[in-house]
Amino acid sequence: MCLSITLISVACSQLEKLNTAILDIKQEHVTSLHGQEDEQDHKSVNSILQDKLNACIQHHQEILE
């Protein structure tokens, strides 16, 4: 019983960390859109955001394992 509760607590905390990371990515994306001047900056920012999103997806997959 204690093991189940511990595992559920760990999973919940990991999902909360994942949620926070996704919200940070969203906030960073909105902030970066306001400051972009040219297409090259836009591509660079999108590449960075995509890398962060991929890391979140990988984290989610690790939580499910």
Protein backbone atom coordinates (compact mmCIF):
# COMPACT_ATOMS: atom_id res chain seq x y z
CA MET A 1 0.00 0.00 0.00
CA CYS A 2 2.76 2.46 0.93
CA LEU A 3 4.63 1.65 -2.27
CA SER A 4 1.55 2.43 -4.37
CA ILE A 5 1.02 5.74 -2.62
CA THR A 6 4.68 6.65 -3.05
CA LEU A 7 4.65 5.81 -6.76
CA ILE A 8 1.48 7.81 -7.33
CA SER A 9 2.99 10.78 -5.47
CA VAL A 10 6.14 10.64 -7.59
CA ALA A 11 4.11 10.41 -10.81
CA CYS A 12 1.94 13.36 -9.78
CA SER A 13 4.95 15.50 -8.94
CA GLN A 14 6.55 14.63 -12.28
CA LEU A 15 3.36 15.54 -14.13
CA GLU A 16 3.27 18.85 -12.24
CA LYS A 17 6.86 19.56 -13.31
CA LEU A 18 5.89 18.72 -16.89
CA ASN A 19 2.90 21.05 -16.72
CA THR A 20 5.10 23.87 -15.45
CA ALA A 21 7.63 23.30 -18.23
CA ILE A 22 4.92 23.41 -20.89
CA LEU A 23 3.47 26.62 -19.45
CA ASP A 24 6.97 28.14 -19.48
CA ILE A 25 7.36 27.20 -23.14
CA LYS A 26 4.00 28.79 -23.94
CA GLN A 27 4.92 32.00 -22.08
CA GLU A 28 8.31 32.14 -23.77
CA HIS A 29 6.69 31.67 -27.19
CA VAL A 30 4.21 34.50 -26.60
CA THR A 31 6.98 36.77 -25.32
CA SER A 32 9.29 35.96 -28.24
CA LEU A 33 6.60 36.72 -30.82
CA HIS A 34 6.42 40.32 -29.66
CA GLY A 35 10.14 40.94 -30.09
CA GLN A 36 10.77 39.29 -33.46
CA GLU A 37 11.89 41.51 -36.27
CA ASP A 38 12.90 39.17 -39.07
CA GLU A 39 12.25 35.66 -40.31
CA GLN A 40 15.67 34.32 -39.23
CA ASP A 41 14.93 35.24 -35.59
CA HIS A 42 11.53 33.58 -35.93
CA LYS A 43 13.10 30.33 -37.18
CA SER A 44 15.72 30.38 -34.44
CA VAL A 45 13.16 30.89 -31.68
CA ASN A 46 10.88 28.19 -33.12
CA SER A 47 13.80 25.77 -33.22
CA ILE A 48 14.59 26.42 -29.56
CA LEU A 49 10.94 26.08 -28.57
CA GLN A 50 10.65 22.84 -30.56
CA ASP A 51 13.68 21.44 -28.72
CA LYS A 52 12.12 22.32 -25.37
CA LEU A 53 8.80 20.78 -26.39
CA ASN A 54 10.59 17.61 -27.50
CA ALA A 55 12.28 17.45 -24.08
CA CYS A 56 8.84 17.73 -22.44
CA ILE A 57 7.49 14.91 -24.61
CA GLN A 58 10.45 12.74 -23.69
CA HIS A 59 9.91 13.56 -20.00
CA HIS A 60 6.24 12.56 -20.34
CA GLN A 61 7.21 9.24 -21.94
CA GLU A 62 9.63 8.57 -19.08
CA ILE A 63 6.88 9.24 -16.55
CA LEU A 64 4.67 6.66 -18.26
CA GLU A 65 7.36 3.98 -18.17
